[in-house]
Amino acid sequence: MAPSDEELVEQFQNGDSSAFDVLVRRWERKVQGAIYRLVGPGEDVRDLSQETLLKAYRGLGTFKQEARFSSWLYQIALNVCRDRMRRGRGKSYVSFDELSETGDTGTEPGPSALELIEARDLSRQVAAAVSALPQEQREVVVLKEYQGLTFLEIAEALDVPLSTVKTRLYRGLGQLRQELVRQGVRGGTPVPAPTS
C-alpha cells in the first residue's frame, strides 16, 4: 500500500528527501490542471507549477499538518497565480478543450466530427463564462467542479470559512448558468437564439 501524503510529509521532515519526489509525482498534474484553468494556456502554466512546487519544497519542513497536504499545496498554487495576476503577467482564462485526463479507453466508438465540433464550441462557451467570473468565485468553481476538492479542502486552501466557500460556489454557478442561458446554451447543448 502506498504511503499517504501525510506519511510522506513526515518522512520528508525526518530527512528522506525522496518522499518529496513521490509527492511531486502524485500532485504535479493536478496542480498544473488547476493553474491551467485559472490562468490559461501558455508557458505561464509550467512556470507557475514549478514555482508552486519549489515553494512547497521550501516550506514542507515547517508544514504542521493542521490542514491536508493537498489543501496546503493548492493554497500555494492559488497564491502564486494571484501574485502573477497582480503583477499583470497573467490573464484570467479557462480552457476546457482538454478536460479529460484519462483519455479514450478505445472500447466504444468515438464521437462524430459534428459532435466534436459542438463539444468544442460548448467548451469554449463554458470557458468564457468561467473566465468572466470574479476571481474568488472562479477559484472555488475550478477547485470544486474541475479539481474535485471537497468544501472543507477548498476552505482550507483558501483559508476562508466553509460557509464562504459554499456561498461563492453557489453564486459562481448561478452566474455561470445565467451567462450560458444568455448565450443560448441550455442543458449542455447550444440552442438557436430566439427570433424576434
N, C-alpha and C. Protein backbone atom coordinates (compact mmCIF):
# COMPACT_ATOMS: atom_id res chain seq x y z
N MET A 1 0.84 -1.18 0.00
CA MET A 1 0.00 0.00 0.00
C MET A 1 0.89 1.24 0.00
N ALA A 2 0.55 2.18 -0.85
CA ALA A 2 1.33 3.41 -0.96
C ALA A 2 1.14 4.28 0.27
N PRO A 3 2.19 4.95 0.68
CA PRO A 3 2.05 5.83 1.85
C PRO A 3 1.15 7.03 1.55
N SER A 4 0.46 7.50 2.56
CA SER A 4 -0.41 8.67 2.41
C SER A 4 0.44 9.93 2.26
N ASP A 5 -0.20 11.00 1.85
CA ASP A 5 0.51 12.29 1.75
C ASP A 5 1.11 12.67 3.10
N GLU A 6 0.34 12.46 4.14
CA GLU A 6 0.80 12.85 5.48
C GLU A 6 2.02 12.03 5.90
N GLU A 7 2.02 10.75 5.56
CA GLU A 7 3.17 9.91 5.88
C GLU A 7 4.40 10.36 5.09
N LEU A 8 4.19 10.73 3.84
CA LEU A 8 5.31 11.22 3.02
C LEU A 8 5.85 12.54 3.57
N VAL A 9 4.96 13.40 4.02
CA VAL A 9 5.40 14.67 4.62
C VAL A 9 6.26 14.38 5.85
N GLU A 10 5.79 13.46 6.66
CA GLU A 10 6.55 13.10 7.87
C GLU A 10 7.92 12.52 7.50
N GLN A 11 7.97 11.66 6.49
CA GLN A 11 9.24 11.09 6.04
C GLN A 11 10.18 12.20 5.56
N PHE A 12 9.64 13.16 4.81
CA PHE A 12 10.46 14.28 4.33
C PHE A 12 11.00 15.09 5.51
N GLN A 13 10.13 15.36 6.46
CA GLN A 13 10.54 16.16 7.62
C GLN A 13 11.55 15.41 8.48
N ASN A 14 11.61 14.09 8.35
CA ASN A 14 12.61 13.29 9.07
C ASN A 14 13.87 13.05 8.25
N GLY A 15 14.00 13.76 7.13
CA GLY A 15 15.24 13.70 6.37
C GLY A 15 15.22 12.90 5.08
N ASP A 16 14.11 12.28 4.72
CA ASP A 16 14.03 11.50 3.49
C ASP A 16 13.54 12.40 2.35
N SER A 17 14.48 13.01 1.61
CA SER A 17 14.11 13.94 0.56
C SER A 17 13.42 13.25 -0.62
N SER A 18 13.58 11.93 -0.77
CA SER A 18 12.91 11.22 -1.86
C SER A 18 11.39 11.20 -1.66
N ALA A 19 10.93 11.41 -0.44
CA ALA A 19 9.49 11.45 -0.18
C ALA A 19 8.84 12.61 -0.93
N PHE A 20 9.58 13.70 -1.08
CA PHE A 20 9.02 14.84 -1.82
C PHE A 20 8.86 14.48 -3.29
N ASP A 21 9.77 13.70 -3.85
CA ASP A 21 9.64 13.26 -5.24
C ASP A 21 8.35 12.49 -5.46
N VAL A 22 7.98 11.67 -4.49
CA VAL A 22 6.73 10.91 -4.59
C VAL A 22 5.54 11.87 -4.55
N LEU A 23 5.60 12.86 -3.68
CA LEU A 23 4.52 13.85 -3.62
C LEU A 23 4.40 14.61 -4.94
N VAL A 24 5.53 14.95 -5.52
CA VAL A 24 5.51 15.68 -6.81
C VAL A 24 4.85 14.81 -7.88
N ARG A 25 5.27 13.56 -7.98
CA ARG A 25 4.66 12.67 -8.98
C ARG A 25 3.15 12.53 -8.76
N ARG A 26 2.75 12.53 -7.52
CA ARG A 26 1.33 12.35 -7.18
C ARG A 26 0.51 13.60 -7.48
N TRP A 27 1.08 14.79 -7.30
CA TRP A 27 0.30 16.02 -7.36
C TRP A 27 0.62 16.96 -8.52
N GLU A 28 1.70 16.74 -9.23
CA GLU A 28 2.13 17.70 -10.25
C GLU A 28 1.06 17.94 -11.33
N ARG A 29 0.48 16.89 -11.88
CA ARG A 29 -0.53 17.07 -12.94
C ARG A 29 -1.78 17.78 -12.41
N LYS A 30 -2.18 17.48 -11.20
CA LYS A 30 -3.37 18.12 -10.63
C LYS A 30 -3.12 19.61 -10.41
N VAL A 31 -1.94 19.94 -9.92
CA VAL A 31 -1.59 21.35 -9.71
C VAL A 31 -1.53 22.07 -11.06
N GLN A 32 -0.91 21.44 -12.05
CA GLN A 32 -0.85 22.06 -13.37
C GLN A 32 -2.25 22.26 -13.94
N GLY A 33 -3.13 21.28 -13.73
CA GLY A 33 -4.50 21.40 -14.21
C GLY A 33 -5.23 22.57 -13.58
N ALA A 34 -5.06 22.74 -12.29
CA ALA A 34 -5.71 23.86 -11.61
C ALA A 34 -5.15 25.19 -12.10
N ILE A 35 -3.85 25.27 -12.24
CA ILE A 35 -3.22 26.51 -12.72
C ILE A 35 -3.66 26.81 -14.14
N TYR A 36 -3.70 25.79 -14.99
CA TYR A 36 -4.14 25.95 -16.37
C TYR A 36 -5.54 26.53 -16.42
N ARG A 37 -6.42 26.03 -15.56
CA ARG A 37 -7.80 26.51 -15.56
C ARG A 37 -7.94 27.90 -14.95
N LEU A 38 -6.96 28.31 -14.17
CA LEU A 38 -7.01 29.65 -13.58
C LEU A 38 -6.36 30.72 -14.46
N VAL A 39 -5.26 30.38 -15.13
CA VAL A 39 -4.53 31.41 -15.89
C VAL A 39 -4.53 31.18 -17.39
N GLY A 40 -4.93 29.99 -17.85
CA GLY A 40 -4.99 29.71 -19.27
C GLY A 40 -3.73 29.03 -19.79
N PRO A 41 -3.73 28.74 -21.09
CA PRO A 41 -2.61 28.02 -21.69
C PRO A 41 -1.37 28.90 -21.83
N GLY A 42 -0.25 28.27 -22.01
CA GLY A 42 0.99 29.00 -22.26
C GLY A 42 2.09 28.60 -21.31
N GLU A 43 3.21 29.27 -21.47
CA GLU A 43 4.38 28.97 -20.65
C GLU A 43 4.15 29.29 -19.19
N ASP A 44 3.21 30.19 -18.90
CA ASP A 44 2.93 30.54 -17.51
C ASP A 44 2.55 29.32 -16.68
N VAL A 45 1.85 28.37 -17.28
CA VAL A 45 1.40 27.19 -16.54
C VAL A 45 2.61 26.42 -16.01
N ARG A 46 3.56 26.16 -16.88
CA ARG A 46 4.76 25.42 -16.47
C ARG A 46 5.54 26.21 -15.41
N ASP A 47 5.72 27.50 -15.67
CA ASP A 47 6.47 28.33 -14.72
C ASP A 47 5.78 28.39 -13.36
N LEU A 48 4.47 28.60 -13.37
CA LEU A 48 3.73 28.71 -12.12
C LEU A 48 3.70 27.38 -11.37
N SER A 49 3.62 26.28 -12.10
CA SER A 49 3.66 24.96 -11.47
C SER A 49 5.01 24.73 -10.79
N GLN A 50 6.07 25.06 -11.50
CA GLN A 50 7.41 24.89 -10.92
C GLN A 50 7.60 25.79 -9.71
N GLU A 51 7.10 27.02 -9.81
CA GLU A 51 7.21 27.94 -8.68
C GLU A 51 6.42 27.41 -7.48
N THR A 52 5.25 26.85 -7.73
CA THR A 52 4.42 26.26 -6.66
C THR A 52 5.17 25.13 -5.98
N LEU A 53 5.72 24.21 -6.77
CA LEU A 53 6.42 23.06 -6.20
C LEU A 53 7.69 23.48 -5.47
N LEU A 54 8.38 24.48 -5.97
CA LEU A 54 9.57 24.98 -5.29
C LEU A 54 9.19 25.58 -3.93
N LYS A 55 8.13 26.37 -3.89
CA LYS A 55 7.69 26.94 -2.62
C LYS A 55 7.24 25.85 -1.66
N ALA A 56 6.59 24.82 -2.19
CA ALA A 56 6.17 23.70 -1.35
C ALA A 56 7.40 22.99 -0.78
N TYR A 57 8.41 22.78 -1.59
CA TYR A 57 9.63 22.12 -1.14
C TYR A 57 10.29 22.92 -0.01
N ARG A 58 10.35 24.24 -0.22
CA ARG A 58 10.99 25.11 0.79
C ARG A 58 10.19 25.17 2.09
N GLY A 59 8.87 25.06 1.98
CA GLY A 59 8.03 25.20 3.18
C GLY A 59 7.65 23.90 3.85
N LEU A 60 7.93 22.78 3.19
CA LEU A 60 7.46 21.50 3.71
C LEU A 60 8.12 21.11 5.03
N GLY A 61 9.32 21.58 5.26
CA GLY A 61 9.99 21.26 6.52
C GLY A 61 9.28 21.82 7.73
N THR A 62 8.55 22.91 7.54
CA THR A 62 7.85 23.54 8.66
C THR A 62 6.34 23.35 8.58
N PHE A 63 5.87 22.57 7.59
CA PHE A 63 4.44 22.28 7.46
C PHE A 63 3.96 21.54 8.70
N LYS A 64 2.88 22.03 9.33
CA LYS A 64 2.42 21.50 10.61
C LYS A 64 1.31 20.46 10.50
N GLN A 65 0.86 20.15 9.32
CA GLN A 65 -0.18 19.16 9.08
C GLN A 65 -1.48 19.48 9.83
N GLU A 66 -1.75 20.74 10.05
CA GLU A 66 -3.04 21.12 10.62
C GLU A 66 -4.12 21.06 9.53
N ALA A 67 -3.68 21.18 8.28
CA ALA A 67 -4.56 21.03 7.12
C ALA A 67 -4.03 19.86 6.31
N ARG A 68 -4.81 19.42 5.35
CA ARG A 68 -4.34 18.36 4.46
C ARG A 68 -3.22 18.90 3.58
N PHE A 69 -2.33 18.03 3.19
CA PHE A 69 -1.25 18.42 2.29
C PHE A 69 -1.81 18.99 0.99
N SER A 70 -2.85 18.35 0.43
CA SER A 70 -3.42 18.81 -0.83
C SER A 70 -3.97 20.22 -0.70
N SER A 71 -4.65 20.52 0.39
CA SER A 71 -5.20 21.87 0.58
C SER A 71 -4.07 22.88 0.69
N TRP A 72 -3.03 22.53 1.41
CA TRP A 72 -1.87 23.41 1.57
C TRP A 72 -1.20 23.65 0.22
N LEU A 73 -1.07 22.61 -0.59
CA LEU A 73 -0.44 22.74 -1.91
C LEU A 73 -1.28 23.61 -2.84
N TYR A 74 -2.60 23.39 -2.84
CA TYR A 74 -3.48 24.23 -3.67
C TYR A 74 -3.45 25.69 -3.20
N GLN A 75 -3.32 25.90 -1.91
CA GLN A 75 -3.23 27.27 -1.39
C GLN A 75 -1.98 27.95 -1.94
N ILE A 76 -0.88 27.24 -1.98
CA ILE A 76 0.35 27.79 -2.56
C ILE A 76 0.13 28.12 -4.03
N ALA A 77 -0.48 27.18 -4.77
CA ALA A 77 -0.72 27.40 -6.20
C ALA A 77 -1.62 28.61 -6.43
N LEU A 78 -2.68 28.75 -5.63
CA LEU A 78 -3.57 29.90 -5.77
C LEU A 78 -2.83 31.21 -5.49
N ASN A 79 -2.01 31.22 -4.45
CA ASN A 79 -1.25 32.43 -4.13
C ASN A 79 -0.25 32.78 -5.22
N VAL A 80 0.39 31.77 -5.80
CA VAL A 80 1.33 32.02 -6.90
C VAL A 80 0.58 32.62 -8.09
N CYS A 81 -0.59 32.07 -8.41
CA CYS A 81 -1.40 32.60 -9.52
C CYS A 81 -1.87 34.02 -9.24
N ARG A 82 -2.33 34.25 -8.02
CA ARG A 82 -2.78 35.60 -7.66
C ARG A 82 -1.64 36.61 -7.78
N ASP A 83 -0.46 36.22 -7.30
CA ASP A 83 0.70 37.12 -7.41
C ASP A 83 1.00 37.45 -8.87
N ARG A 84 0.96 36.43 -9.73
CA ARG A 84 1.24 36.65 -11.15
C ARG A 84 0.19 37.58 -11.76
N MET A 85 -1.08 37.38 -11.42
CA MET A 85 -2.13 38.23 -11.97
C MET A 85 -2.01 39.66 -11.46
N ARG A 86 -1.62 39.81 -10.21
CA ARG A 86 -1.43 41.15 -9.65
C ARG A 86 -0.33 41.90 -10.38
N ARG A 87 0.70 41.16 -10.76
CA ARG A 87 1.81 41.78 -11.48
C ARG A 87 1.46 42.01 -12.95
N GLY A 88 0.28 41.54 -13.35
CA GLY A 88 -0.18 41.78 -14.71
C GLY A 88 0.46 40.87 -15.74
N ARG A 89 1.09 39.79 -15.30
CA ARG A 89 1.77 38.91 -16.24
C ARG A 89 0.93 37.71 -16.62
N GLY A 90 -0.27 37.68 -16.11
CA GLY A 90 -1.13 36.56 -16.45
C GLY A 90 -2.53 37.07 -16.69
N LYS A 91 -3.30 36.31 -17.44
CA LYS A 91 -4.67 36.71 -17.65
C LYS A 91 -5.57 35.65 -17.07
N SER A 92 -6.74 36.03 -16.76
CA SER A 92 -7.69 35.08 -16.22
C SER A 92 -8.41 34.43 -17.38
N TYR A 93 -8.17 33.16 -17.60
CA TYR A 93 -8.72 32.45 -18.74
C TYR A 93 -8.88 30.99 -18.37
N VAL A 94 -9.93 30.39 -18.81
CA VAL A 94 -10.13 28.98 -18.53
C VAL A 94 -10.41 28.28 -19.85
N SER A 95 -9.73 27.18 -20.12
CA SER A 95 -9.96 26.39 -21.32
C SER A 95 -10.30 24.97 -20.92
N PHE A 96 -11.32 24.45 -21.56
CA PHE A 96 -11.74 23.10 -21.25
C PHE A 96 -11.59 22.18 -22.46
N ASP A 97 -10.73 22.57 -23.41
CA ASP A 97 -10.51 21.73 -24.59
C ASP A 97 -9.89 20.40 -24.21
N GLU A 98 -9.20 20.36 -23.09
CA GLU A 98 -8.51 19.14 -22.69
C GLU A 98 -8.99 18.69 -21.31
N LEU A 99 -10.32 18.64 -21.13
CA LEU A 99 -10.87 18.28 -19.83
C LEU A 99 -10.50 16.86 -19.41
N SER A 100 -10.50 15.91 -20.32
CA SER A 100 -10.26 14.52 -19.96
C SER A 100 -8.78 14.26 -19.76
N GLU A 101 -8.42 13.83 -18.55
CA GLU A 101 -7.04 13.48 -18.28
C GLU A 101 -6.82 11.98 -18.48
N THR A 102 -7.91 11.23 -18.57
CA THR A 102 -7.78 9.78 -18.67
C THR A 102 -7.66 9.32 -20.10
N GLY A 103 -8.20 10.06 -21.04
CA GLY A 103 -8.13 9.64 -22.44
C GLY A 103 -9.20 8.63 -22.78
N ASP A 104 -9.26 8.27 -24.05
CA ASP A 104 -10.26 7.34 -24.54
C ASP A 104 -9.85 5.91 -24.22
N THR A 105 -10.80 5.09 -23.80
CA THR A 105 -10.48 3.70 -23.49
C THR A 105 -10.41 2.84 -24.73
N GLY A 106 -10.97 3.33 -25.82
CA GLY A 106 -10.93 2.59 -27.06
C GLY A 106 -11.97 1.47 -27.12
N THR A 107 -12.83 1.34 -26.13
CA THR A 107 -13.80 0.25 -26.12
C THR A 107 -15.09 0.63 -26.82
N GLU A 108 -15.36 1.89 -27.00
CA GLU A 108 -16.58 2.30 -27.67
C GLU A 108 -16.21 3.23 -28.82
N PRO A 109 -17.08 3.30 -29.83
CA PRO A 109 -16.77 4.19 -30.95
C PRO A 109 -16.71 5.64 -30.49
N GLY A 110 -15.83 6.38 -31.10
CA GLY A 110 -15.65 7.78 -30.73
C GLY A 110 -16.77 8.65 -31.27
N PRO A 111 -16.81 9.89 -30.83
CA PRO A 111 -17.85 10.80 -31.29
C PRO A 111 -17.64 11.17 -32.76
N SER A 112 -18.72 11.59 -33.39
CA SER A 112 -18.64 12.02 -34.78
C SER A 112 -17.96 13.38 -34.85
N ALA A 113 -17.59 13.79 -36.05
CA ALA A 113 -16.94 15.09 -36.25
C ALA A 113 -17.87 16.21 -35.80
N LEU A 114 -19.15 16.09 -36.11
CA LEU A 114 -20.11 17.12 -35.70
C LEU A 114 -20.20 17.20 -34.18
N GLU A 115 -20.23 16.04 -33.51
CA GLU A 115 -20.28 16.04 -32.05
C GLU A 115 -19.02 16.67 -31.46
N LEU A 116 -17.88 16.40 -32.06
CA LEU A 116 -16.63 17.02 -31.59
C LEU A 116 -16.65 18.53 -31.74
N ILE A 117 -17.15 19.00 -32.88
CA ILE A 117 -17.23 20.46 -33.11
C ILE A 117 -18.19 21.09 -32.12
N GLU A 118 -19.35 20.47 -31.92
CA GLU A 118 -20.32 21.01 -30.96
C GLU A 118 -19.75 21.02 -29.54
N ALA A 119 -19.06 19.95 -29.16
CA ALA A 119 -18.46 19.88 -27.82
C ALA A 119 -17.39 20.94 -27.65
N ARG A 120 -16.57 21.14 -28.66
CA ARG A 120 -15.52 22.17 -28.58
C ARG A 120 -16.14 23.56 -28.47
N ASP A 121 -17.21 23.80 -29.24
CA ASP A 121 -17.89 25.09 -29.17
C ASP A 121 -18.47 25.31 -27.78
N LEU A 122 -19.10 24.27 -27.23
CA LEU A 122 -19.67 24.36 -25.89
C LEU A 122 -18.57 24.61 -24.85
N SER A 123 -17.44 23.90 -24.98
CA SER A 123 -16.36 24.08 -24.00
C SER A 123 -15.81 25.49 -24.07
N ARG A 124 -15.77 26.07 -25.25
CA ARG A 124 -15.31 27.47 -25.37
C ARG A 124 -16.29 28.43 -24.71
N GLN A 125 -17.58 28.15 -24.87
CA GLN A 125 -18.58 29.00 -24.23
C GLN A 125 -18.48 28.90 -22.71
N VAL A 126 -18.31 27.68 -22.22
CA VAL A 126 -18.16 27.49 -20.76
C VAL A 126 -16.87 28.17 -20.28
N ALA A 127 -15.79 28.02 -21.05
CA ALA A 127 -14.51 28.63 -20.67
C ALA A 127 -14.65 30.15 -20.57
N ALA A 128 -15.32 30.74 -21.53
CA ALA A 128 -15.50 32.19 -21.50
C ALA A 128 -16.35 32.61 -20.30
N ALA A 129 -17.38 31.83 -20.01
CA ALA A 129 -18.25 32.16 -18.88
C ALA A 129 -17.50 32.02 -17.55
N VAL A 130 -16.69 30.97 -17.41
CA VAL A 130 -15.92 30.78 -16.18
C VAL A 130 -14.89 31.90 -16.03
N SER A 131 -14.22 32.26 -17.12
CA SER A 131 -13.19 33.29 -17.02
C SER A 131 -13.77 34.66 -16.70
N ALA A 132 -15.06 34.84 -16.96
CA ALA A 132 -15.71 36.12 -16.66
C ALA A 132 -16.14 36.23 -15.19
N LEU A 133 -16.09 35.13 -14.46
CA LEU A 133 -16.47 35.17 -13.05
C LEU A 133 -15.47 35.99 -12.25
N PRO A 134 -15.92 36.61 -11.16
CA PRO A 134 -14.97 37.26 -10.26
C PRO A 134 -13.96 36.22 -9.75
N GLN A 135 -12.75 36.65 -9.48
CA GLN A 135 -11.66 35.74 -9.11
C GLN A 135 -12.04 34.80 -7.97
N GLU A 136 -12.66 35.31 -6.92
CA GLU A 136 -12.99 34.46 -5.76
C GLU A 136 -13.95 33.35 -6.15
N GLN A 137 -14.93 33.66 -6.97
CA GLN A 137 -15.88 32.64 -7.41
C GLN A 137 -15.23 31.67 -8.39
N ARG A 138 -14.42 32.18 -9.30
CA ARG A 138 -13.73 31.34 -10.29
C ARG A 138 -12.84 30.31 -9.59
N GLU A 139 -12.11 30.74 -8.56
CA GLU A 139 -11.23 29.82 -7.84
C GLU A 139 -12.02 28.67 -7.22
N VAL A 140 -13.14 29.00 -6.59
CA VAL A 140 -13.95 27.97 -5.93
C VAL A 140 -14.56 27.02 -6.97
N VAL A 141 -15.06 27.57 -8.08
CA VAL A 141 -15.65 26.73 -9.12
C VAL A 141 -14.60 25.78 -9.70
N VAL A 142 -13.42 26.28 -9.98
CA VAL A 142 -12.36 25.43 -10.55
C VAL A 142 -11.96 24.34 -9.55
N LEU A 143 -11.76 24.71 -8.29
CA LEU A 143 -11.32 23.73 -7.29
C LEU A 143 -12.39 22.67 -7.02
N LYS A 144 -13.66 23.07 -7.02
CA LYS A 144 -14.74 22.12 -6.72
C LYS A 144 -15.13 21.30 -7.94
N GLU A 145 -15.43 21.97 -9.03
CA GLU A 145 -16.00 21.27 -10.18
C GLU A 145 -14.96 20.59 -11.07
N TYR A 146 -13.75 21.11 -11.12
CA TYR A 146 -12.77 20.55 -12.04
C TYR A 146 -11.58 19.87 -11.36
N GLN A 147 -11.33 20.21 -10.11
CA GLN A 147 -10.26 19.55 -9.37
C GLN A 147 -10.83 18.53 -8.38
N GLY A 148 -12.14 18.61 -8.12
CA GLY A 148 -12.79 17.61 -7.28
C GLY A 148 -12.53 17.73 -5.79
N LEU A 149 -12.10 18.91 -5.33
CA LEU A 149 -11.87 19.09 -3.91
C LEU A 149 -13.20 19.15 -3.15
N THR A 150 -13.17 18.76 -1.90
CA THR A 150 -14.35 18.87 -1.05
C THR A 150 -14.47 20.33 -0.57
N PHE A 151 -15.64 20.66 -0.02
CA PHE A 151 -15.82 22.00 0.52
C PHE A 151 -14.78 22.30 1.60
N LEU A 152 -14.52 21.32 2.44
CA LEU A 152 -13.56 21.50 3.53
C LEU A 152 -12.15 21.74 2.98
N GLU A 153 -11.76 20.97 1.97
CA GLU A 153 -10.43 21.15 1.37
C GLU A 153 -10.29 22.53 0.73
N ILE A 154 -11.36 23.00 0.09
CA ILE A 154 -11.34 24.33 -0.52
C ILE A 154 -11.24 25.40 0.56
N ALA A 155 -12.00 25.24 1.64
CA ALA A 155 -11.94 26.20 2.74
C ALA A 155 -10.53 26.28 3.31
N GLU A 156 -9.88 25.11 3.46
CA GLU A 156 -8.50 25.10 3.96
C GLU A 156 -7.54 25.75 2.96
N ALA A 157 -7.71 25.46 1.67
CA ALA A 157 -6.83 26.01 0.64
C ALA A 157 -6.95 27.52 0.54
N LEU A 158 -8.17 28.02 0.67
CA LEU A 158 -8.40 29.46 0.55
C LEU A 158 -8.33 30.19 1.89
N ASP A 159 -8.28 29.43 2.97
CA ASP A 159 -8.25 29.98 4.32
C ASP A 159 -9.45 30.88 4.58
N VAL A 160 -10.63 30.33 4.24
CA VAL A 160 -11.89 31.02 4.48
C VAL A 160 -12.85 30.05 5.15
N PRO A 161 -13.90 30.56 5.78
CA PRO A 161 -14.89 29.67 6.41
C PRO A 161 -15.61 28.81 5.37
N LEU A 162 -16.08 27.66 5.80
CA LEU A 162 -16.80 26.74 4.95
C LEU A 162 -18.02 27.41 4.31
N SER A 163 -18.72 28.21 5.07
CA SER A 163 -19.91 28.90 4.55
C SER A 163 -19.55 29.85 3.41
N THR A 164 -18.37 30.45 3.47
CA THR A 164 -17.92 31.35 2.40
C THR A 164 -17.69 30.56 1.12
N VAL A 165 -17.09 29.39 1.24
CA VAL A 165 -16.86 28.54 0.07
C VAL A 165 -18.19 28.20 -0.58
N LYS A 166 -19.16 27.77 0.21
CA LYS A 166 -20.47 27.38 -0.33
C LYS A 166 -21.16 28.57 -0.99
N THR A 167 -21.07 29.73 -0.37
CA THR A 167 -21.69 30.93 -0.94
C THR A 167 -21.04 31.30 -2.27
N ARG A 168 -19.71 31.28 -2.32
CA ARG A 168 -19.00 31.61 -3.56
C ARG A 168 -19.33 30.62 -4.66
N LEU A 169 -19.41 29.34 -4.32
CA LEU A 169 -19.74 28.33 -5.33
C LEU A 169 -21.16 28.53 -5.82
N TYR A 170 -22.10 28.73 -4.92
CA TYR A 170 -23.49 28.92 -5.29
C TYR A 170 -23.64 30.13 -6.21
N ARG A 171 -23.03 31.24 -5.84
CA ARG A 171 -23.12 32.45 -6.67
C ARG A 171 -22.40 32.26 -8.00
N GLY A 172 -21.23 31.63 -7.97
CA GLY A 172 -20.47 31.41 -9.19
C GLY A 172 -21.22 30.53 -10.17
N LEU A 173 -21.78 29.42 -9.68
CA LEU A 173 -22.54 28.54 -10.56
C LEU A 173 -23.80 29.22 -11.07
N GLY A 174 -24.41 30.05 -10.24
CA GLY A 174 -25.58 30.81 -10.68
C GLY A 174 -25.24 31.77 -11.80
N GLN A 175 -24.12 32.48 -11.66
CA GLN A 175 -23.69 33.39 -12.72
C GLN A 175 -23.33 32.63 -13.98
N LEU A 176 -22.68 31.48 -13.82
CA LEU A 176 -22.35 30.66 -14.99
C LEU A 176 -23.63 30.25 -15.73
N ARG A 177 -24.60 29.78 -14.98
CA ARG A 177 -25.86 29.34 -15.58
C ARG A 177 -26.52 30.49 -16.33
N GLN A 178 -26.57 31.66 -15.71
CA GLN A 178 -27.19 32.83 -16.37
C GLN A 178 -26.46 33.20 -17.65
N GLU A 179 -25.14 33.19 -17.60
CA GLU A 179 -24.36 33.56 -18.78
C GLU A 179 -24.54 32.55 -19.90
N LEU A 180 -24.56 31.27 -19.56
CA LEU A 180 -24.73 30.24 -20.59
C LEU A 180 -26.13 30.30 -21.20
N VAL A 181 -27.15 30.57 -20.39
CA VAL A 181 -28.50 30.73 -20.92
C VAL A 181 -28.54 31.96 -21.83
N ARG A 182 -27.87 33.03 -21.41
CA ARG A 182 -27.82 34.24 -22.24
C ARG A 182 -27.18 33.94 -23.60
N GLN A 183 -26.20 33.04 -23.60
CA GLN A 183 -25.52 32.66 -24.84
C GLN A 183 -26.30 31.61 -25.64
N GLY A 184 -27.43 31.15 -25.09
CA GLY A 184 -28.25 30.18 -25.80
C GLY A 184 -27.89 28.74 -25.51
N VAL A 185 -27.22 28.49 -24.39
CA VAL A 185 -26.85 27.13 -24.02
C VAL A 185 -27.80 26.69 -22.91
N ARG A 186 -28.51 25.59 -23.17
CA ARG A 186 -29.42 25.03 -22.16
C ARG A 186 -29.23 23.53 -22.13
N GLY A 187 -29.06 22.99 -20.93
CA GLY A 187 -28.95 21.54 -20.79
C GLY A 187 -27.71 20.95 -21.43
N GLY A 188 -26.64 21.75 -21.55
CA GLY A 188 -25.38 21.23 -22.06
C GLY A 188 -25.21 21.34 -23.56
N THR A 189 -26.26 21.83 -24.30
CA THR A 189 -26.09 21.98 -25.73
C THR A 189 -26.53 23.36 -26.17
N PRO A 190 -25.88 23.91 -27.19
CA PRO A 190 -26.28 25.21 -27.70
C PRO A 190 -27.68 25.10 -28.33
N VAL A 191 -28.47 26.13 -28.17
CA VAL A 191 -29.79 26.18 -28.81
C VAL A 191 -29.84 27.44 -29.67
N PRO A 192 -30.64 27.40 -30.72
CA PRO A 192 -30.71 28.58 -31.57
C PRO A 192 -31.25 29.78 -30.80
N ALA A 193 -30.73 30.95 -31.13
CA ALA A 193 -31.20 32.17 -30.49
C ALA A 193 -32.65 32.42 -30.93
N PRO A 194 -33.47 32.94 -30.00
CA PRO A 194 -34.86 33.20 -30.36
C PRO A 194 -34.94 34.29 -31.43
N THR A 195 -35.86 34.13 -32.35
CA THR A 195 -36.05 35.15 -33.40
C THR A 195 -37.06 36.15 -32.93
N SER A 196 -36.85 37.42 -33.27
CA SER A 196 -37.78 38.45 -32.82
C SER A 196 -38.83 38.72 -33.85
